[in-house]
Amino acid sequence: MTKLKQLWRLVQESHAQPIAGEPRPTEIVGPDELGVTFIGHSSFLLQVGGRSVLIDPVFVKRLILLRRQRRAGLLVNEMPAIDVVLLTHAHMDHLNIASLRRVVRSAQMLGKKAPDVVVPWGVEDLVSGLGFSRVHGMKWWEKLEVRGLTVTLTPCKHWGARMFNDIHRGYGGYVVEGVGYSVYHSGDTAYFSGFEEIGKRLHPQVALLPIGAYFPDSYRAVHTSPEEAVRGFVEVGAKWMVPMHFGTFNLGREPMDEPVQRLLAEATRLGISSKVKVLEEGETMRVAQQETSRRPILKTQQQSI
């Protein structure tokens, strides 16, 4: 079967069932808290030190013909004005032009300054005309101070072309730091030895790691399996893992509900299931600084740990 036929089969399957899920009201956290909201796929809203950061925002129902399986967990016009947008690479399920325009327009409608946007090297031209206040291009391990936050572009094992022949475009993950908090978003990646180095250099507290699109096995050249994602989490040394890149777009051949099942089974096998937080679309994980020890404590809408 040719790649074109495989792609067409994915498109047909993506339209087979109604879109599931509903957006939730945006949960606003305090300026001394960290909020991590899962929007869907690899999209997150981070609230850090009173700043709002979007990572890989995709709110559209379709990527050309491929339809999402679950709705985005937040509505753009119900979020706080975004200060910074981080884009991990140029693939269409991570850099979505229509969604980016909506984010900029929403800030303007709120009477706020348009966000800054941060991209890997070679991606600047794709976002330069969308109305952002400033476009920042970065290379691996570079640090950027932007809107009161520190952002580091981290390595990953993936690729960054938008189409097929623009292989000059970069790719990576990010560690975002502010007011004593740090969050690592790996971007798309296969398992690689860099997880340990990222942990040693940057010490993130929360790791957002991909667990889907790993089958057939050839896909693992650029995507982690759930077990590999858990291994990466352990090597990064973060306190909590939040999975991503599953359940939204049917990009692999594994069943849609399998990645989370395998993730939880592996975490249970290793005795670290309490560190893995599977968020529903629109759900927020809150981390607050404990006043006595200054060590982070974790809360979600349902529980306090």
Protein backbone atom coordinates (compact mmCIF):
# COMPACT_ATOMS: atom_id res chain seq x y z
CA MET A 1 0.00 0.00 0.00
CA THR A 2 1.39 3.39 -0.94
CA LYS A 3 1.81 6.23 1.56
CA LEU A 4 -0.94 8.15 -0.22
CA LYS A 5 -3.38 5.29 0.25
CA GLN A 6 -2.37 4.99 3.91
CA LEU A 7 -3.00 8.70 4.39
CA TRP A 8 -6.38 8.50 2.69
CA ARG A 9 -7.37 5.63 4.97
CA LEU A 10 -6.50 7.74 8.02
CA VAL A 11 -8.59 10.61 6.64
CA GLN A 12 -11.59 8.33 6.07
CA GLU A 13 -11.28 6.83 9.54
CA SER A 14 -11.06 10.28 11.13
CA HIS A 15 -14.58 11.04 9.85
CA ALA A 16 -16.11 7.73 10.89
CA GLN A 17 -17.29 8.83 14.36
CA PRO A 18 -18.70 12.11 15.74
CA ILE A 19 -16.22 14.43 17.45
CA ALA A 20 -16.24 13.74 21.21
CA GLY A 21 -15.71 15.99 24.20
CA GLU A 22 -16.66 19.56 25.07
CA PRO A 23 -14.56 22.59 26.01
CA ARG A 24 -14.41 23.67 29.64
CA PRO A 25 -14.25 27.12 31.21
CA THR A 26 -10.65 28.23 31.64
CA GLU A 27 -9.48 27.73 35.21
CA ILE A 28 -7.43 30.76 36.31
CA VAL A 29 -4.68 30.12 38.86
CA GLY A 30 -3.07 32.58 41.24
CA PRO A 31 0.14 34.48 40.40
CA ASP A 32 2.08 32.32 42.88
CA GLU A 33 0.84 29.07 41.33
CA LEU A 34 1.66 27.05 38.24
CA GLY A 35 -1.28 25.99 36.07
CA VAL A 36 -0.91 23.34 33.36
CA THR A 37 -4.02 22.95 31.21
CA PHE A 38 -4.24 20.21 28.58
CA ILE A 39 -6.05 21.54 25.52
CA GLY A 40 -5.63 18.42 23.39
CA HIS A 41 -2.98 16.67 21.27
CA SER A 42 0.22 18.59 22.14
CA SER A 43 -1.49 21.90 22.97
CA PHE A 44 -1.19 23.34 26.48
CA LEU A 45 -1.94 26.54 28.33
CA LEU A 46 0.64 27.30 31.03
CA GLN A 47 -0.01 29.93 33.69
CA VAL A 48 3.28 30.87 35.34
CA GLY A 49 3.85 33.85 37.59
CA GLY A 50 0.83 35.68 36.24
CA ARG A 51 1.89 35.07 32.64
CA SER A 52 -0.02 32.93 30.12
CA VAL A 53 1.86 30.72 27.67
CA LEU A 54 0.42 28.64 24.83
CA ILE A 55 2.40 25.71 23.45
CA ASP A 56 1.59 24.32 19.99
CA PRO A 57 -1.98 25.69 19.97
CA VAL A 58 -4.31 23.85 17.58
CA PHE A 59 -8.01 24.70 17.90
CA VAL A 60 -9.27 23.82 14.41
CA LYS A 61 -11.42 20.77 13.70
CA ARG A 62 -9.40 19.66 10.67
CA LEU A 63 -5.82 19.55 9.47
CA ILE A 64 -6.63 19.94 5.78
CA LEU A 65 -8.73 16.73 5.50
CA LEU A 66 -7.74 14.88 8.68
CA ARG A 67 -10.40 15.55 11.35
CA ARG A 68 -9.72 15.62 15.07
CA GLN A 69 -11.42 12.99 17.23
CA ARG A 70 -11.90 15.13 20.35
CA ARG A 71 -12.68 18.83 20.65
CA ALA A 72 -10.16 21.29 22.02
CA GLY A 73 -10.58 21.60 25.78
CA LEU A 74 -10.56 25.42 25.81
CA LEU A 75 -12.07 28.15 23.66
CA VAL A 76 -9.68 30.82 22.43
CA ASN A 77 -11.95 33.73 23.32
CA GLU A 78 -12.43 32.45 26.88
CA MET A 79 -8.74 32.23 27.73
CA PRO A 80 -6.75 35.05 29.33
CA ALA A 81 -4.70 37.17 26.94
CA ILE A 82 -1.66 35.15 25.92
CA ASP A 83 1.79 36.59 26.59
CA VAL A 84 3.96 34.03 24.78
CA VAL A 85 3.32 31.32 22.18
CA LEU A 86 5.87 28.51 21.87
CA LEU A 87 5.96 26.38 18.70
CA THR A 88 8.01 23.20 18.76
CA HIS A 89 8.21 22.62 15.00
CA ALA A 90 6.48 23.34 11.71
CA HIS A 91 4.33 20.22 11.32
CA MET A 92 0.67 21.09 10.76
CA ASP A 93 -0.55 19.39 13.93
CA HIS A 94 1.72 21.73 15.95
CA LEU A 95 1.95 24.95 13.94
CA ASN A 96 -1.56 25.82 12.80
CA ILE A 97 -1.84 29.18 11.07
CA ALA A 98 -5.60 29.65 11.63
CA SER A 99 -5.26 28.96 15.36
CA LEU A 100 -2.35 31.37 15.70
CA ARG A 101 -4.31 34.14 14.02
CA ARG A 102 -7.18 33.56 16.44
CA VAL A 103 -4.82 33.80 19.43
CA VAL A 104 -3.43 37.12 18.23
CA ARG A 105 -6.90 38.46 17.46
CA SER A 106 -8.18 37.42 20.89
CA ALA A 107 -5.43 39.40 22.64
CA GLN A 108 -6.26 42.45 20.54
CA MET A 109 -9.99 42.15 21.35
CA LEU A 110 -9.09 42.13 25.05
CA GLY A 111 -7.14 45.33 24.54
CA LYS A 112 -3.84 43.60 25.31
CA LYS A 113 -0.51 43.57 23.54
CA ALA A 114 -0.18 40.79 20.99
CA PRO A 115 1.87 37.85 22.25
CA ASP A 116 5.48 37.16 21.40
CA VAL A 117 6.08 33.92 19.50
CA VAL A 118 9.11 31.63 19.94
CA VAL A 119 10.12 29.14 17.24
CA PRO A 120 13.10 26.92 16.41
CA TRP A 121 15.57 28.15 13.82
CA GLY A 122 14.27 28.30 10.27
CA VAL A 123 10.60 28.59 11.24
CA GLU A 124 10.47 32.37 11.61
CA ASP A 125 9.09 33.03 8.13
CA LEU A 126 5.97 30.93 8.77
CA VAL A 127 4.79 33.18 11.61
CA SER A 128 6.29 36.57 10.77
CA GLY A 129 3.14 37.98 9.16
CA LEU A 130 0.55 36.84 11.71
CA GLY A 131 0.53 39.89 13.98
CA PHE A 132 2.76 38.77 16.84
CA SER A 133 4.56 41.52 18.76
CA ARG A 134 7.89 39.85 18.17
CA VAL A 135 9.23 36.66 16.61
CA HIS A 136 12.09 34.93 18.42
CA GLY A 137 14.10 32.21 16.64
CA MET A 138 16.16 29.87 18.81
CA LYS A 139 18.69 27.05 18.57
CA TRP A 140 19.13 24.10 20.93
CA TRP A 141 20.19 25.09 24.46
CA GLU A 142 19.76 28.81 23.83
CA LYS A 143 18.00 30.71 26.62
CA LEU A 144 15.59 33.58 26.07
CA GLU A 145 14.15 36.02 28.58
CA VAL A 146 10.67 36.93 27.36
CA ARG A 147 7.79 38.60 29.22
CA GLY A 148 9.31 37.77 32.61
CA LEU A 149 9.90 34.10 31.84
CA THR A 150 13.00 32.12 30.88
CA VAL A 151 12.62 29.82 27.88
CA THR A 152 15.20 27.25 26.75
CA LEU A 153 14.94 25.35 23.46
CA THR A 154 15.86 21.72 24.11
CA PRO A 155 16.96 18.97 21.71
CA CYS A 156 14.69 16.17 20.57
CA LYS A 157 14.75 13.35 18.02
CA HIS A 158 12.31 14.30 15.29
CA TRP A 159 12.26 16.43 12.12
CA GLY A 160 10.92 19.84 11.22
CA ALA A 161 9.97 20.24 7.55
CA ARG A 162 6.62 21.92 6.88
CA MET A 163 6.18 20.20 3.53
CA PHE A 164 8.81 17.85 2.11
CA ASN A 165 11.82 19.77 0.84
CA ASP A 166 12.19 22.50 3.51
CA ILE A 167 14.37 20.37 5.73
CA HIS A 168 16.29 23.42 6.93
CA ARG A 169 13.60 24.06 9.55
CA GLY A 170 14.44 23.35 13.16
CA TYR A 171 12.56 21.47 15.86
CA GLY A 172 12.81 20.91 19.59
CA GLY A 173 11.15 21.13 22.97
CA TYR A 174 11.09 23.85 25.60
CA VAL A 175 11.68 24.31 29.29
CA VAL A 176 9.74 27.28 30.65
CA GLU A 177 10.87 28.74 33.98
CA GLY A 178 9.31 31.40 36.16
CA VAL A 179 8.77 32.26 39.87
CA GLY A 180 10.31 28.98 41.04
CA TYR A 181 8.50 26.70 38.59
CA SER A 182 9.76 24.84 35.53
CA VAL A 183 7.87 22.89 32.87
CA TYR A 184 9.37 20.76 30.10
CA HIS A 185 7.42 20.23 26.85
CA SER A 186 9.40 17.77 24.74
CA GLY A 187 7.72 18.49 21.41
CA ASP A 188 7.44 15.46 19.17
CA THR A 189 10.34 13.11 19.79
CA ALA A 190 11.52 9.53 19.69
CA TYR A 191 13.31 8.18 22.74
CA PHE A 192 16.88 9.50 22.85
CA SER A 193 19.73 9.95 25.32
CA GLY A 194 19.03 13.69 25.57
CA PHE A 195 16.31 13.25 28.19
CA GLU A 196 18.91 12.72 30.89
CA GLU A 197 20.95 15.74 29.80
CA ILE A 198 17.84 17.96 29.80
CA GLY A 199 17.11 16.85 33.34
CA LYS A 200 20.65 17.49 34.55
CA ARG A 201 20.86 20.93 32.96
CA LEU A 202 17.40 22.33 33.60
CA HIS A 203 15.72 20.28 36.37
CA PRO A 204 12.08 20.61 35.25
CA GLN A 205 9.37 19.85 37.79
CA VAL A 206 6.68 18.87 35.27
CA ALA A 207 7.35 16.95 32.05
CA LEU A 208 4.84 16.98 29.18
CA LEU A 209 5.71 13.94 27.07
CA PRO A 210 4.20 12.32 23.93
CA ILE A 211 2.79 8.80 24.06
CA GLY A 212 0.97 8.25 20.73
CA ALA A 213 1.58 7.49 17.03
CA TYR A 214 4.15 4.76 17.73
CA PHE A 215 2.75 1.93 15.58
CA PRO A 216 3.85 0.54 13.20
CA ASP A 217 7.26 0.27 14.81
CA SER A 218 8.86 2.38 12.08
CA TYR A 219 7.03 5.40 13.61
CA ARG A 220 9.21 5.03 16.69
CA ALA A 221 12.05 6.60 14.73
CA VAL A 222 10.34 9.93 15.48
CA HIS A 223 7.76 9.14 18.24
CA THR A 224 8.02 7.50 21.65
CA SER A 225 5.94 4.54 22.69
CA PRO A 226 4.24 4.92 26.09
CA GLU A 227 6.93 2.81 27.71
CA GLU A 228 9.67 4.91 26.13
CA ALA A 229 7.94 8.08 27.30
CA VAL A 230 7.96 6.76 30.87
CA ARG A 231 11.66 5.95 30.53
CA GLY A 232 12.28 9.49 29.29
CA PHE A 233 10.33 10.89 32.25
CA VAL A 234 12.42 8.89 34.71
CA GLU A 235 15.63 10.09 33.06
CA VAL A 236 14.50 13.72 33.02
CA GLY A 237 13.93 13.43 36.76
CA ALA A 238 10.77 15.57 36.89
CA LYS A 239 8.29 15.22 39.74
CA TRP A 240 5.25 14.74 37.53
CA MET A 241 4.52 13.57 34.00
CA VAL A 242 1.56 14.72 31.93
CA PRO A 243 1.07 12.73 28.69
CA MET A 244 0.25 14.36 25.35
CA HIS A 245 0.10 13.56 21.62
CA PHE A 246 -2.69 11.01 21.96
CA GLY A 247 -6.44 10.78 21.46
CA THR A 248 -6.93 13.85 19.25
CA PHE A 249 -5.64 13.09 15.76
CA ASN A 250 -5.49 9.54 14.43
CA LEU A 251 -1.85 9.65 13.32
CA GLY A 252 -0.77 6.08 14.11
CA ARG A 253 -2.23 2.62 13.62
CA GLU A 254 -2.54 1.75 17.33
CA PRO A 255 -6.08 1.86 18.83
CA MET A 256 -6.91 5.37 20.06
CA ASP A 257 -7.35 4.27 23.68
CA GLU A 258 -4.22 2.11 23.83
CA PRO A 259 -1.53 4.76 24.60
CA VAL A 260 -2.99 5.75 27.97
CA GLN A 261 -3.61 2.12 28.94
CA ARG A 262 0.01 1.20 28.20
CA LEU A 263 1.28 4.34 29.93
CA LEU A 264 -0.57 3.58 33.16
CA ALA A 265 0.44 -0.08 33.07
CA GLU A 266 4.11 0.84 32.74
CA ALA A 267 3.89 3.47 35.48
CA THR A 268 2.25 0.91 37.78
CA ARG A 269 4.94 -1.66 36.97
CA LEU A 270 7.62 0.83 37.98
CA GLY A 271 5.76 1.99 41.09
CA ILE A 272 5.46 5.60 39.92
CA SER A 273 1.77 5.79 38.99
CA SER A 274 1.20 8.63 41.49
CA LYS A 275 3.57 10.79 39.44
CA VAL A 276 1.67 10.36 36.18
CA LYS A 277 -1.26 12.77 35.71
CA VAL A 278 -3.51 12.02 32.72
CA LEU A 279 -5.49 15.21 32.12
CA GLU A 280 -8.72 15.41 30.18
CA GLU A 281 -9.11 18.14 27.59
CA GLY A 282 -9.59 21.42 29.44
CA GLU A 283 -8.49 20.02 32.81
CA THR A 284 -5.93 22.01 34.81
CA MET A 285 -3.19 20.70 37.05
CA ARG A 286 -2.27 23.28 39.68
CA VAL A 287 1.05 23.34 41.49
CA ALA A 288 1.37 25.62 44.51
CA GLN A 289 4.44 26.47 46.56
CA GLN A 290 4.11 24.97 50.03
CA GLU A 291 4.80 27.81 52.48
CA THR A 292 6.74 25.83 55.05
CA SER A 293 9.19 23.86 52.90
CA ARG A 294 8.87 25.77 49.59
CA ARG A 295 8.51 22.41 47.88
CA PRO A 296 5.76 22.24 45.25
CA ILE A 297 2.47 20.57 46.13
CA LEU A 298 0.11 19.38 43.44
CA LYS A 299 -3.62 19.96 43.03
CA THR A 300 -6.12 19.18 40.32
CA GLN A 301 -9.76 20.12 40.12
CA GLN A 302 -10.64 16.77 41.65
CA GLN A 303 -7.94 16.19 44.23
CA SER A 304 -5.17 17.55 46.39
CA ILE A 305 -1.93 15.64 46.81
